[in-house]
Amino acid sequence: MDCLFCQREKLEILKESEQCFAIYDKYPVTNMHSLILPKRHLRHFFNLNKLEREKLFDFVEEIKTFLETTDPSIDGFNVGMNCEASAGQTIFHCHIHLIPRRSGDISEPMGGVRGVIPSKRIY
């Protein structure tokens, strides 16, 4: 398979569970920006079954705790998914972005994930 995320032997795994694994994003938005992925190849979030969704979000919580413990300056997070090319997905293996935030990392954080369409971020 040509999926980059299915070639786990080539990735630097941060942590893993029986069904999921985490890596640092190769093009991070902030320091320690992580990707949480199911081990089973699925195109995007909406292809997960209920158990897979539960396991994936349990693992997101585990990685969140790990990041906060590793870097106490983290005081917030953005959590996001891109599902299909029109939404910005470039690697078609389901993954969740867990982006640590720190007070003052941008001058005005209002709007958060609304920034995917820059003109909609500040309202």
PDB file of N, CA and C in Angstrom:
ATOM      1  N   MET A   1       0.847  -1.184   0.000  1.00  0.00           N
ATOM      2  CA  MET A   1       0.000   0.000   0.000  1.00  0.00           C
ATOM      3  C   MET A   1       0.887   1.239   0.000  1.00  0.00           C
ATOM      4  N   ASP A   2       0.486   2.273  -0.701  1.00  0.00           N
ATOM      5  CA  ASP A   2       1.265   3.500  -0.805  1.00  0.00           C
ATOM      6  C   ASP A   2       0.977   4.504   0.309  1.00  0.00           C
ATOM      7  N   CYS A   3       0.122   4.170   1.230  1.00  0.00           N
ATOM      8  CA  CYS A   3      -0.238   5.100   2.298  1.00  0.00           C
ATOM      9  C   CYS A   3       0.949   5.307   3.241  1.00  0.00           C
ATOM     10  N   LEU A   4       1.376   6.554   3.363  1.00  0.00           N
ATOM     11  CA  LEU A   4       2.492   6.904   4.237  1.00  0.00           C
ATOM     12  C   LEU A   4       2.231   6.455   5.675  1.00  0.00           C
ATOM     13  N   PHE A   5       1.018   6.635   6.161  1.00  0.00           N
ATOM     14  CA  PHE A   5       0.710   6.312   7.549  1.00  0.00           C
ATOM     15  C   PHE A   5       0.564   4.810   7.796  1.00  0.00           C
ATOM     16  N   CYS A   6       0.386   4.032   6.750  1.00  0.00           N
ATOM     17  CA  CYS A   6       0.337   2.574   6.912  1.00  0.00           C
ATOM     18  C   CYS A   6       1.738   1.970   6.971  1.00  0.00           C
ATOM     19  N   GLN A   7       2.736   2.749   6.609  1.00  0.00           N
ATOM     20  CA  GLN A   7       4.125   2.289   6.640  1.00  0.00           C
ATOM     21  C   GLN A   7       4.755   2.691   7.974  1.00  0.00           C
ATOM     22  N   ARG A   8       4.189   2.157   9.051  1.00  0.00           N
ATOM     23  CA  ARG A   8       4.585   2.571  10.399  1.00  0.00           C
ATOM     24  C   ARG A   8       6.066   2.335  10.688  1.00  0.00           C
ATOM     25  N   GLU A   9       6.664   1.366  10.027  1.00  0.00           N
ATOM     26  CA  GLU A   9       8.090   1.115  10.271  1.00  0.00           C
ATOM     27  C   GLU A   9       8.953   2.299   9.828  1.00  0.00           C
ATOM     28  N   LYS A  10       8.421   3.174   8.990  1.00  0.00           N
ATOM     29  CA  LYS A  10       9.151   4.350   8.523  1.00  0.00           C
ATOM     30  C   LYS A  10       8.844   5.594   9.359  1.00  0.00           C
ATOM     31  N   LEU A  11       7.920   5.465  10.307  1.00  0.00           N
ATOM     32  CA  LEU A  11       7.487   6.604  11.108  1.00  0.00           C
ATOM     33  C   LEU A  11       8.119   6.557  12.495  1.00  0.00           C
ATOM     34  N   GLU A  12       8.271   7.722  13.075  1.00  0.00           N
ATOM     35  CA  GLU A  12       8.739   7.810  14.451  1.00  0.00           C
ATOM     36  C   GLU A  12       7.502   7.847  15.352  1.00  0.00           C
ATOM     37  N   ILE A  13       7.159   6.700  15.905  1.00  0.00           N
ATOM     38  CA  ILE A  13       5.947   6.568  16.705  1.00  0.00           C
ATOM     39  C   ILE A  13       6.166   7.199  18.078  1.00  0.00           C
ATOM     40  N   LEU A  14       5.281   8.097  18.448  1.00  0.00           N
ATOM     41  CA  LEU A  14       5.328   8.759  19.745  1.00  0.00           C
ATOM     42  C   LEU A  14       4.788   7.823  20.832  1.00  0.00           C
ATOM     43  N   LYS A  15       3.620   7.264  20.609  1.00  0.00           N
ATOM     44  CA  LYS A  15       2.973   6.311  21.511  1.00  0.00           C
ATOM     45  C   LYS A  15       2.031   5.467  20.665  1.00  0.00           C
ATOM     46  N   GLU A  16       1.691   4.284  21.174  1.00  0.00           N
ATOM     47  CA  GLU A  16       0.708   3.473  20.474  1.00  0.00           C
ATOM     48  C   GLU A  16      -0.086   2.619  21.444  1.00  0.00           C
ATOM     49  N   SER A  17      -1.254   2.230  20.985  1.00  0.00           N
ATOM     50  CA  SER A  17      -2.110   1.304  21.716  1.00  0.00           C
ATOM     51  C   SER A  17      -2.380   0.139  20.770  1.00  0.00           C
ATOM     52  N   GLU A  18      -3.266  -0.734  21.173  1.00  0.00           N
ATOM     53  CA  GLU A  18      -3.583  -1.877  20.321  1.00  0.00           C
ATOM     54  C   GLU A  18      -4.175  -1.447  18.978  1.00  0.00           C
ATOM     55  N   GLN A  19      -4.997  -0.387  18.979  1.00  0.00           N
ATOM     56  CA  GLN A  19      -5.695   0.015  17.754  1.00  0.00           C
ATOM     57  C   GLN A  19      -5.252   1.350  17.166  1.00  0.00           C
ATOM     58  N   CYS A  20      -4.450   2.122  17.900  1.00  0.00           N
ATOM     59  CA  CYS A  20      -4.109   3.480  17.463  1.00  0.00           C
ATOM     60  C   CYS A  20      -2.617   3.755  17.664  1.00  0.00           C
ATOM     61  N   PHE A  21      -2.159   4.833  17.033  1.00  0.00           N
ATOM     62  CA  PHE A  21      -0.803   5.299  17.277  1.00  0.00           C
ATOM     63  C   PHE A  21      -0.756   6.803  17.078  1.00  0.00           C
ATOM     64  N   ALA A  22       0.295   7.414  17.606  1.00  0.00           N
ATOM     65  CA  ALA A  22       0.462   8.860  17.493  1.00  0.00           C
ATOM     66  C   ALA A  22       1.871   9.166  17.012  1.00  0.00           C
ATOM     67  N   ILE A  23       1.959  10.216  16.223  1.00  0.00           N
ATOM     68  CA  ILE A  23       3.237  10.727  15.734  1.00  0.00           C
ATOM     69  C   ILE A  23       3.199  12.248  15.834  1.00  0.00           C
ATOM     70  N   TYR A  24       4.358  12.876  15.792  1.00  0.00           N
ATOM     71  CA  TYR A  24       4.386  14.328  15.674  1.00  0.00           C
ATOM     72  C   TYR A  24       4.161  14.686  14.207  1.00  0.00           C
ATOM     73  N   ASP A  25       3.432  15.761  13.974  1.00  0.00           N
ATOM     74  CA  ASP A  25       3.169  16.231  12.618  1.00  0.00           C
ATOM     75  C   ASP A  25       4.481  16.677  11.972  1.00  0.00           C
ATOM     76  N   LYS A  26       4.672  16.293  10.718  1.00  0.00           N
ATOM     77  CA  LYS A  26       5.898  16.647   9.995  1.00  0.00           C
ATOM     78  C   LYS A  26       5.960  18.148   9.686  1.00  0.00           C
ATOM     79  N   TYR A  27       4.797  18.797   9.615  1.00  0.00           N
ATOM     80  CA  TYR A  27       4.711  20.238   9.353  1.00  0.00           C
ATOM     81  C   TYR A  27       3.883  20.879  10.468  1.00  0.00           C
ATOM     82  N   PRO A  28       4.439  20.954  11.687  1.00  0.00           N
ATOM     83  CA  PRO A  28       3.639  21.363  12.842  1.00  0.00           C
ATOM     84  C   PRO A  28       3.185  22.820  12.821  1.00  0.00           C
ATOM     85  N   VAL A  29       1.983  23.021  13.315  1.00  0.00           N
ATOM     86  CA  VAL A  29       1.442  24.366  13.516  1.00  0.00           C
ATOM     87  C   VAL A  29       2.071  24.970  14.774  1.00  0.00           C
ATOM     88  N   THR A  30       2.216  24.143  15.811  1.00  0.00           N
ATOM     89  CA  THR A  30       2.889  24.541  17.047  1.00  0.00           C
ATOM     90  C   THR A  30       3.809  23.400  17.462  1.00  0.00           C
ATOM     91  N   ASN A  31       4.689  23.683  18.416  1.00  0.00           N
ATOM     92  CA  ASN A  31       5.564  22.655  18.945  1.00  0.00           C
ATOM     93  C   ASN A  31       4.722  21.530  19.570  1.00  0.00           C
ATOM     94  N   MET A  32       5.042  20.295  19.242  1.00  0.00           N
ATOM     95  CA  MET A  32       4.396  19.079  19.733  1.00  0.00           C
ATOM     96  C   MET A  32       3.043  18.790  19.058  1.00  0.00           C
ATOM     97  N   HIS A  33       2.748  19.470  17.964  1.00  0.00           N
ATOM     98  CA  HIS A  33       1.543  19.175  17.165  1.00  0.00           C
ATOM     99  C   HIS A  33       1.593  17.689  16.809  1.00  0.00           C
ATOM    100  N   SER A  34       0.554  16.970  17.194  1.00  0.00           N
ATOM    101  CA  SER A  34       0.540  15.522  17.030  1.00  0.00           C
ATOM    102  C   SER A  34      -0.590  15.061  16.132  1.00  0.00           C
ATOM    103  N   LEU A  35      -0.396  13.895  15.544  1.00  0.00           N
ATOM    104  CA  LEU A  35      -1.436  13.232  14.760  1.00  0.00           C
ATOM    105  C   LEU A  35      -1.774  11.932  15.465  1.00  0.00           C
ATOM    106  N   ILE A  36      -3.058  11.666  15.614  1.00  0.00           N
ATOM    107  CA  ILE A  36      -3.524  10.434  16.227  1.00  0.00           C
ATOM    108  C   ILE A  36      -4.270   9.672  15.144  1.00  0.00           C
ATOM    109  N   LEU A  37      -3.885   8.397  14.957  1.00  0.00           N
ATOM    110  CA  LEU A  37      -4.392   7.621  13.826  1.00  0.00           C
ATOM    111  C   LEU A  37      -4.836   6.227  14.254  1.00  0.00           C
ATOM    112  N   PRO A  38      -5.867   5.700  13.582  1.00  0.00           N
ATOM    113  CA  PRO A  38      -6.170   4.281  13.768  1.00  0.00           C
ATOM    114  C   PRO A  38      -5.124   3.471  13.000  1.00  0.00           C
ATOM    115  N   LYS A  39      -4.788   2.292  13.493  1.00  0.00           N
ATOM    116  CA  LYS A  39      -3.844   1.441  12.773  1.00  0.00           C
ATOM    117  C   LYS A  39      -4.472   0.885  11.496  1.00  0.00           C
ATOM    118  N   ARG A  40      -5.768   0.639  11.549  1.00  0.00           N
ATOM    119  CA  ARG A  40      -6.464   0.143  10.363  1.00  0.00           C
ATOM    120  C   ARG A  40      -6.599   1.281   9.364  1.00  0.00           C
ATOM    121  N   HIS A  41      -6.292   1.008   8.113  1.00  0.00           N
ATOM    122  CA  HIS A  41      -6.386   2.042   7.082  1.00  0.00           C
ATOM    123  C   HIS A  41      -7.849   2.346   6.772  1.00  0.00           C
ATOM    124  N   LEU A  42      -8.220   3.582   7.025  1.00  0.00           N
ATOM    125  CA  LEU A  42      -9.546   4.107   6.687  1.00  0.00           C
ATOM    126  C   LEU A  42      -9.326   5.479   6.094  1.00  0.00           C
ATOM    127  N   ARG A  43     -10.093   5.836   5.104  1.00  0.00           N
ATOM    128  CA  ARG A  43      -9.874   7.085   4.379  1.00  0.00           C
ATOM    129  C   ARG A  43     -10.016   8.316   5.272  1.00  0.00           C
ATOM    130  N   HIS A  44     -11.061   8.372   6.086  1.00  0.00           N
ATOM    131  CA  HIS A  44     -11.255   9.511   6.977  1.00  0.00           C
ATOM    132  C   HIS A  44     -12.189   9.146   8.118  1.00  0.00           C
ATOM    133  N   PHE A  45     -12.413  10.090   8.999  1.00  0.00           N
ATOM    134  CA  PHE A  45     -13.178   9.901  10.225  1.00  0.00           C
ATOM    135  C   PHE A  45     -14.536   9.245   9.997  1.00  0.00           C
ATOM    136  N   PHE A  46     -15.221   9.611   8.954  1.00  0.00           N
ATOM    137  CA  PHE A  46     -16.571   9.112   8.728  1.00  0.00           C
ATOM    138  C   PHE A  46     -16.611   7.659   8.275  1.00  0.00           C
ATOM    139  N   ASN A  47     -15.442   7.049   8.082  1.00  0.00           N
ATOM    140  CA  ASN A  47     -15.356   5.623   7.765  1.00  0.00           C
ATOM    141  C   ASN A  47     -15.133   4.755   9.006  1.00  0.00           C
ATOM    142  N   LEU A  48     -14.895   5.380  10.152  1.00  0.00           N
ATOM    143  CA  LEU A  48     -14.680   4.636  11.390  1.00  0.00           C
ATOM    144  C   LEU A  48     -15.985   4.033  11.892  1.00  0.00           C
ATOM    145  N   ASN A  49     -15.901   2.859  12.484  1.00  0.00           N
ATOM    146  CA  ASN A  49     -17.099   2.331  13.147  1.00  0.00           C
ATOM    147  C   ASN A  49     -17.135   2.892  14.574  1.00  0.00           C
ATOM    148  N   LYS A  50     -18.212   2.620  15.291  1.00  0.00           N
ATOM    149  CA  LYS A  50     -18.406   3.211  16.617  1.00  0.00           C
ATOM    150  C   LYS A  50     -17.279   2.850  17.583  1.00  0.00           C
ATOM    151  N   LEU A  51     -16.882   1.595  17.615  1.00  0.00           N
ATOM    152  CA  LEU A  51     -15.806   1.174  18.517  1.00  0.00           C
ATOM    153  C   LEU A  51     -14.492   1.867  18.159  1.00  0.00           C
ATOM    154  N   GLU A  52     -14.197   1.977  16.872  1.00  0.00           N
ATOM    155  CA  GLU A  52     -12.973   2.651  16.438  1.00  0.00           C
ATOM    156  C   GLU A  52     -12.985   4.126  16.840  1.00  0.00           C
ATOM    157  N   ARG A  53     -14.134   4.776  16.710  1.00  0.00           N
ATOM    158  CA  ARG A  53     -14.235   6.186  17.139  1.00  0.00           C
ATOM    159  C   ARG A  53     -13.955   6.311  18.635  1.00  0.00           C
ATOM    160  N   GLU A  54     -14.551   5.406  19.419  1.00  0.00           N
ATOM    161  CA  GLU A  54     -14.335   5.450  20.869  1.00  0.00           C
ATOM    162  C   GLU A  54     -12.872   5.243  21.216  1.00  0.00           C
ATOM    163  N   LYS A  55     -12.244   4.246  20.605  1.00  0.00           N
ATOM    164  CA  LYS A  55     -10.831   3.957  20.890  1.00  0.00           C
ATOM    165  C   LYS A  55      -9.937   5.120  20.459  1.00  0.00           C
ATOM    166  N   LEU A  56     -10.251   5.707  19.308  1.00  0.00           N
ATOM    167  CA  LEU A  56      -9.453   6.815  18.800  1.00  0.00           C
ATOM    168  C   LEU A  56      -9.540   8.009  19.745  1.00  0.00           C
ATOM    169  N   PHE A  57     -10.738   8.351  20.213  1.00  0.00           N
ATOM    170  CA  PHE A  57     -10.866   9.501  21.103  1.00  0.00           C
ATOM    171  C   PHE A  57     -10.333   9.217  22.497  1.00  0.00           C
ATOM    172  N   ASP A  58     -10.391   7.969  22.956  1.00  0.00           N
ATOM    173  CA  ASP A  58      -9.723   7.619  24.207  1.00  0.00           C
ATOM    174  C   ASP A  58      -8.224   7.867  24.070  1.00  0.00           C
ATOM    175  N   PHE A  59      -7.679   7.525  22.901  1.00  0.00           N
ATOM    176  CA  PHE A  59      -6.246   7.708  22.667  1.00  0.00           C
ATOM    177  C   PHE A  59      -5.899   9.190  22.530  1.00  0.00           C
ATOM    178  N   VAL A  60      -6.790   9.987  21.939  1.00  0.00           N
ATOM    179  CA  VAL A  60      -6.572  11.434  21.880  1.00  0.00           C
ATOM    180  C   VAL A  60      -6.411  11.982  23.297  1.00  0.00           C
ATOM    181  N   GLU A  61      -7.269  11.534  24.196  1.00  0.00           N
ATOM    182  CA  GLU A  61      -7.190  11.970  25.598  1.00  0.00           C
ATOM    183  C   GLU A  61      -5.857  11.559  26.226  1.00  0.00           C
ATOM    184  N   GLU A  62      -5.410  10.347  25.930  1.00  0.00           N
ATOM    185  CA  GLU A  62      -4.126   9.870  26.458  1.00  0.00           C
ATOM    186  C   GLU A  62      -2.965  10.727  25.940  1.00  0.00           C
ATOM    187  N   ILE A  63      -2.992  11.055  24.670  1.00  0.00           N
ATOM    188  CA  ILE A  63      -1.919  11.873  24.089  1.00  0.00           C
ATOM    189  C   ILE A  63      -1.980  13.292  24.639  1.00  0.00           C
ATOM    190  N   LYS A  64      -3.169  13.831  24.819  1.00  0.00           N
ATOM    191  CA  LYS A  64      -3.332  15.162  25.427  1.00  0.00           C
ATOM    192  C   LYS A  64      -2.650  15.194  26.790  1.00  0.00           C
ATOM    193  N   THR A  65      -2.917  14.214  27.609  1.00  0.00           N
ATOM    194  CA  THR A  65      -2.325  14.142  28.944  1.00  0.00           C
ATOM    195  C   THR A  65      -0.801  14.020  28.851  1.00  0.00           C
ATOM    196  N   PHE A  66      -0.331  13.190  27.940  1.00  0.00           N
ATOM    197  CA  PHE A  66       1.110  13.034  27.735  1.00  0.00           C
ATOM    198  C   PHE A  66       1.756  14.374  27.359  1.00  0.00           C
ATOM    199  N   LEU A  67       1.146  15.104  26.433  1.00  0.00           N
ATOM    200  CA  LEU A  67       1.704  16.385  25.991  1.00  0.00           C
ATOM    201  C   LEU A  67       1.724  17.403  27.131  1.00  0.00           C
ATOM    202  N   GLU A  68       0.632  17.482  27.886  1.00  0.00           N
ATOM    203  CA  GLU A  68       0.565  18.422  29.007  1.00  0.00           C
ATOM    204  C   GLU A  68       1.608  18.102  30.076  1.00  0.00           C
ATOM    205  N   THR A  69       1.833  16.823  30.302  1.00  0.00           N
ATOM    206  CA  THR A  69       2.814  16.395  31.291  1.00  0.00           C
ATOM    207  C   THR A  69       4.235  16.712  30.807  1.00  0.00           C
ATOM    208  N   THR A  70       4.449  16.540  29.510  1.00  0.00           N
ATOM    209  CA  THR A  70       5.764  16.793  28.914  1.00  0.00           C
ATOM    210  C   THR A  70       6.084  18.282  28.855  1.00  0.00           C
ATOM    211  N   ASP A  71       5.061  19.103  28.584  1.00  0.00           N
ATOM    212  CA  ASP A  71       5.275  20.543  28.443  1.00  0.00           C
ATOM    213  C   ASP A  71       4.202  21.305  29.220  1.00  0.00           C
ATOM    214  N   PRO A  72       4.495  21.719  30.457  1.00  0.00           N
ATOM    215  CA  PRO A  72       3.505  22.413  31.278  1.00  0.00           C
ATOM    216  C   PRO A  72       3.093  23.790  30.754  1.00  0.00           C
ATOM    217  N   SER A  73       3.773  24.317  29.726  1.00  0.00           N
ATOM    218  CA  SER A  73       3.367  25.607  29.165  1.00  0.00           C
ATOM    219  C   SER A  73       2.110  25.475  28.288  1.00  0.00           C
ATOM    220  N   ILE A  74       1.726  24.245  27.954  1.00  0.00           N
ATOM    221  CA  ILE A  74       0.508  24.020  27.159  1.00  0.00           C
ATOM    222  C   ILE A  74      -0.693  24.330  28.039  1.00  0.00           C
ATOM    223  N   ASP A  75      -1.558  25.226  27.562  1.00  0.00           N
ATOM    224  CA  ASP A  75      -2.757  25.540  28.332  1.00  0.00           C
ATOM    225  C   ASP A  75      -4.029  25.530  27.489  1.00  0.00           C
ATOM    226  N   GLY A  76      -3.944  24.946  26.304  1.00  0.00           N
ATOM    227  CA  GLY A  76      -5.112  24.788  25.441  1.00  0.00           C
ATOM    228  C   GLY A  76      -4.779  23.880  24.277  1.00  0.00           C
ATOM    229  N   PHE A  77      -5.810  23.504  23.532  1.00  0.00           N
ATOM    230  CA  PHE A  77      -5.634  22.633  22.370  1.00  0.00           C
ATOM    231  C   PHE A  77      -6.624  22.999  21.277  1.00  0.00           C
ATOM    232  N   ASN A  78      -6.207  22.793  20.041  1.00  0.00           N
ATOM    233  CA  ASN A  78      -7.120  22.713  18.901  1.00  0.00           C
ATOM    234  C   ASN A  78      -7.124  21.252  18.487  1.00  0.00           C
ATOM    235  N   VAL A  79      -8.306  20.730  18.214  1.00  0.00           N
ATOM    236  CA  VAL A  79      -8.467  19.363  17.758  1.00  0.00           C
ATOM    237  C   VAL A  79      -9.183  19.442  16.425  1.00  0.00           C
ATOM    238  N   GLY A  80      -8.625  18.792  15.394  1.00  0.00           N
ATOM    239  CA  GLY A  80      -9.255  18.915  14.085  1.00  0.00           C
ATOM    240  C   GLY A  80      -9.009  17.736  13.180  1.00  0.00           C
ATOM    241  N   MET A  81      -9.891  17.640  12.182  1.00  0.00           N
ATOM    242  CA  MET A  81      -9.782  16.603  11.157  1.00  0.00           C
ATOM    243  C   MET A  81     -10.112  17.229   9.808  1.00  0.00           C
ATOM    244  N   ASN A  82      -9.413  16.783   8.807  1.00  0.00           N
ATOM    245  CA  ASN A  82      -9.695  17.175   7.435  1.00  0.00           C
ATOM    246  C   ASN A  82     -10.217  15.925   6.732  1.00  0.00           C
ATOM    247  N   CYS A  83     -11.439  15.986   6.231  1.00  0.00           N
ATOM    248  CA  CYS A  83     -12.051  14.824   5.588  1.00  0.00           C
ATOM    249  C   CYS A  83     -12.326  15.145   4.128  1.00  0.00           C
ATOM    250  N   GLU A  84     -11.469  14.641   3.263  1.00  0.00           N
ATOM    251  CA  GLU A  84     -11.482  14.794   1.809  1.00  0.00           C
ATOM    252  C   GLU A  84     -10.676  16.030   1.380  1.00  0.00           C
ATOM    253  N   ALA A  85     -10.302  16.037   0.124  1.00  0.00           N
ATOM    254  CA  ALA A  85      -9.409  17.064  -0.419  1.00  0.00           C
ATOM    255  C   ALA A  85      -9.983  18.472  -0.283  1.00  0.00           C
ATOM    256  N   SER A  86     -11.288  18.627  -0.477  1.00  0.00           N
ATOM    257  CA  SER A  86     -11.889  19.963  -0.393  1.00  0.00           C
ATOM    258  C   SER A  86     -11.793  20.550   1.007  1.00  0.00           C
ATOM    259  N   ALA A  87     -11.583  19.690   2.013  1.00  0.00           N
ATOM    260  CA  ALA A  87     -11.425  20.138   3.397  1.00  0.00           C
ATOM    261  C   ALA A  87      -9.953  20.204   3.797  1.00  0.00           C
ATOM    262  N   GLY A  88      -9.056  19.969   2.857  1.00  0.00           N
ATOM    263  CA  GLY A  88      -7.629  20.090   3.130  1.00  0.00           C
ATOM    264  C   GLY A  88      -6.902  18.795   3.402  1.00  0.00           C
ATOM    265  N   GLN A  89      -7.582  17.647   3.327  1.00  0.00           N
ATOM    266  CA  GLN A  89      -6.908  16.378   3.576  1.00  0.00           C
ATOM    267  C   GLN A  89      -5.920  16.093   2.451  1.00  0.00           C
ATOM    268  N   THR A  90      -4.682  15.746   2.821  1.00  0.00           N
ATOM    269  CA  THR A  90      -3.663  15.450   1.812  1.00  0.00           C
ATOM    270  C   THR A  90      -3.155  14.017   1.894  1.00  0.00           C
ATOM    271  N   ILE A  91      -3.273  13.395   3.069  1.00  0.00           N
ATOM    272  CA  ILE A  91      -2.951  11.971   3.208  1.00  0.00           C
ATOM    273  C   ILE A  91      -4.249  11.282   3.585  1.00  0.00           C
ATOM    274  N   PHE A  92      -4.676  10.363   2.759  1.00  0.00           N
ATOM    275  CA  PHE A  92      -6.008   9.786   2.900  1.00  0.00           C
ATOM    276  C   PHE A  92      -6.002   8.540   3.777  1.00  0.00           C
ATOM    277  N   HIS A  93      -5.575   8.775   5.016  1.00  0.00           N
ATOM    278  CA  HIS A  93      -5.652   7.804   6.108  1.00  0.00           C
ATOM    279  C   HIS A  93      -6.179   8.626   7.276  1.00  0.00           C
ATOM    280  N   CYS A  94      -7.269   8.225   7.846  1.00  0.00           N
ATOM    281  CA  CYS A  94      -7.896   8.968   8.941  1.00  0.00           C
ATOM    282  C   CYS A  94      -6.854   9.406   9.962  1.00  0.00           C
ATOM    283  N   HIS A  95      -6.898  10.671  10.347  1.00  0.00           N
ATOM    284  CA  HIS A  95      -6.029  11.153  11.410  1.00  0.00           C
ATOM    285  C   HIS A  95      -6.630  12.398  12.053  1.00  0.00           C
ATOM    286  N   ILE A  96      -6.362  12.534  13.325  1.00  0.00           N
ATOM    287  CA  ILE A  96      -6.826  13.679  14.108  1.00  0.00           C
ATOM    288  C   ILE A  96      -5.618  14.531  14.464  1.00  0.00           C
ATOM    289  N   HIS A  97      -5.735  15.829  14.215  1.00  0.00           N
ATOM    290  CA  HIS A  97      -4.691  16.767  14.607  1.00  0.00           C
ATOM    291  C   HIS A  97      -4.958  17.207  16.042  1.00  0.00           C
ATOM    292  N   LEU A  98      -3.964  17.069  16.889  1.00  0.00           N
ATOM    293  CA  LEU A  98      -4.023  17.558  18.262  1.00  0.00           C
ATOM    294  C   LEU A  98      -2.939  18.626  18.363  1.00  0.00           C
ATOM    295  N   ILE A  99      -3.378  19.878  18.404  1.00  0.00           N
ATOM    296  CA  ILE A  99      -2.459  21.010  18.314  1.00  0.00           C
ATOM    297  C   ILE A  99      -2.394  21.721  19.665  1.00  0.00           C
ATOM    298  N   PRO A 100      -1.278  21.568  20.372  1.00  0.00           N
ATOM    299  CA  PRO A 100      -1.131  22.255  21.660  1.00  0.00           C
ATOM    300  C   PRO A 100      -1.075  23.765  21.462  1.00  0.00           C
ATOM    301  N   ARG A 101      -1.708  24.466  22.381  1.00  0.00           N
ATOM    302  CA  ARG A 101      -1.686  25.929  22.338  1.00  0.00           C
ATOM    303  C   ARG A 101      -1.138  26.458  23.650  1.00  0.00           C
ATOM    304  N   ARG A 102      -0.508  27.600  23.546  1.00  0.00           N
ATOM    305  CA  ARG A 102       0.079  28.250  24.700  1.00  0.00           C
ATOM    306  C   ARG A 102      -0.362  29.709  24.695  1.00  0.00           C
ATOM    307  N   SER A 103      -0.716  30.214  25.851  1.00  0.00           N
ATOM    308  CA  SER A 103      -1.136  31.616  25.941  1.00  0.00           C
ATOM    309  C   SER A 103      -0.094  32.509  25.286  1.00  0.00           C
ATOM    310  N   GLY A 104      -0.566  33.373  24.391  1.00  0.00           N
ATOM    311  CA  GLY A 104       0.323  34.307  23.711  1.00  0.00           C
ATOM    312  C   GLY A 104       0.962  33.775  22.446  1.00  0.00           C
ATOM    313  N   ASP A 105       0.627  32.523  22.015  1.00  0.00           N
ATOM    314  CA  ASP A 105       1.269  32.004  20.798  1.00  0.00           C
ATOM    315  C   ASP A 105       0.806  32.749  19.540  1.00  0.00           C
ATOM    316  N   ILE A 106      -0.362  33.375  19.599  1.00  0.00           N
ATOM    317  CA  ILE A 106      -0.776  34.353  18.590  1.00  0.00           C
ATOM    318  C   ILE A 106      -1.437  35.505  19.338  1.00  0.00           C
ATOM    319  N   SER A 107      -1.472  36.674  18.730  1.00  0.00           N
ATOM    320  CA  SER A 107      -1.980  37.845  19.445  1.00  0.00           C
ATOM    321  C   SER A 107      -3.479  37.766  19.712  1.00  0.00           C
ATOM    322  N   GLU A 108      -4.252  37.147  18.839  1.00  0.00           N
ATOM    323  CA  GLU A 108      -5.699  37.066  19.026  1.00  0.00           C
ATOM    324  C   GLU A 108      -6.193  35.682  18.623  1.00  0.00           C
ATOM    325  N   PRO A 109      -6.353  34.773  19.593  1.00  0.00           N
ATOM    326  CA  PRO A 109      -6.769  33.409  19.259  1.00  0.00           C
ATOM    327  C   PRO A 109      -8.261  33.251  18.959  1.00  0.00           C
ATOM    328  N   MET A 110      -9.054  34.305  19.163  1.00  0.00           N
ATOM    329  CA  MET A 110     -10.497  34.205  18.932  1.00  0.00           C
ATOM    330  C   MET A 110     -10.795  33.632  17.548  1.00  0.00           C
ATOM    331  N   GLY A 111     -11.738  32.750  17.492  1.00  0.00           N
ATOM    332  CA  GLY A 111     -12.130  32.148  16.221  1.00  0.00           C
ATOM    333  C   GLY A 111     -11.579  30.757  16.030  1.00  0.00           C
ATOM    334  N   GLY A 112     -10.462  30.437  16.699  1.00  0.00           N
ATOM    335  CA  GLY A 112      -9.909  29.094  16.685  1.00  0.00           C
ATOM    336  C   GLY A 112      -9.984  28.390  15.342  1.00  0.00           C
ATOM    337  N   VAL A 113     -10.707  27.274  15.293  1.00  0.00           N
ATOM    338  CA  VAL A 113     -10.772  26.460  14.081  1.00  0.00           C
ATOM    339  C   VAL A 113     -11.506  27.150  12.945  1.00  0.00           C
ATOM    340  N   ARG A 114     -12.213  28.229  13.240  1.00  0.00           N
ATOM    341  CA  ARG A 114     -12.861  28.998  12.161  1.00  0.00           C
ATOM    342  C   ARG A 114     -11.804  29.555  11.194  1.00  0.00           C
ATOM    343  N   GLY A 115     -10.549  29.561  11.623  1.00  0.00           N
ATOM    344  CA  GLY A 115      -9.454  30.058  10.792  1.00  0.00           C
ATOM    345  C   GLY A 115      -9.167  29.213   9.564  1.00  0.00           C
ATOM    346  N   VAL A 116      -9.840  28.058   9.423  1.00  0.00           N
ATOM    347  CA  VAL A 116      -9.649  27.289   8.191  1.00  0.00           C
ATOM    348  C   VAL A 116     -10.120  28.084   6.984  1.00  0.00           C
ATOM    349  N   ILE A 117     -11.021  29.029   7.219  1.00  0.00           N
ATOM    350  CA  ILE A 117     -11.394  30.021   6.202  1.00  0.00           C
ATOM    351  C   ILE A 117     -11.049  31.365   6.834  1.00  0.00           C
ATOM    352  N   PRO A 118      -9.874  31.905   6.515  1.00  0.00           N
ATOM    353  CA  PRO A 118      -9.333  33.052   7.241  1.00  0.00           C
ATOM    354  C   PRO A 118     -10.299  34.224   7.419  1.00  0.00           C
ATOM    355  N   SER A 119     -11.107  34.531   6.431  1.00  0.00           N
ATOM    356  CA  SER A 119     -12.022  35.670   6.564  1.00  0.00           C
ATOM    357  C   SER A 119     -13.137  35.418   7.584  1.00  0.00           C
ATOM    358  N   LYS A 120     -13.292  34.181   8.040  1.00  0.00           N
ATOM    359  CA  LYS A 120     -14.339  33.839   9.014  1.00  0.00           C
ATOM    360  C   LYS A 120     -13.826  33.718  10.441  1.00  0.00           C
ATOM    361  N   ARG A 121     -12.497  33.833  10.635  1.00  0.00           N
ATOM    362  CA  ARG A 121     -11.924  33.582  11.949  1.00  0.00           C
ATOM    363  C   ARG A 121     -12.380  34.608  12.977  1.00  0.00           C
ATOM    364  N   ILE A 122     -12.264  35.883  12.677  1.00  0.00           N
ATOM    365  CA  ILE A 122     -12.669  36.929  13.626  1.00  0.00           C
ATOM    366  C   ILE A 122     -14.098  37.332  13.316  1.00  0.00           C
ATOM    367  N   TYR A 123     -14.942  37.244  14.329  1.00  0.00           N
ATOM    368  CA  TYR A 123     -16.373  37.593  14.138  1.00  0.00           C
ATOM    369  C   TYR A 123     -16.865  38.434  15.288  1.00  0.00           C
TER     370      TYR A 123
END
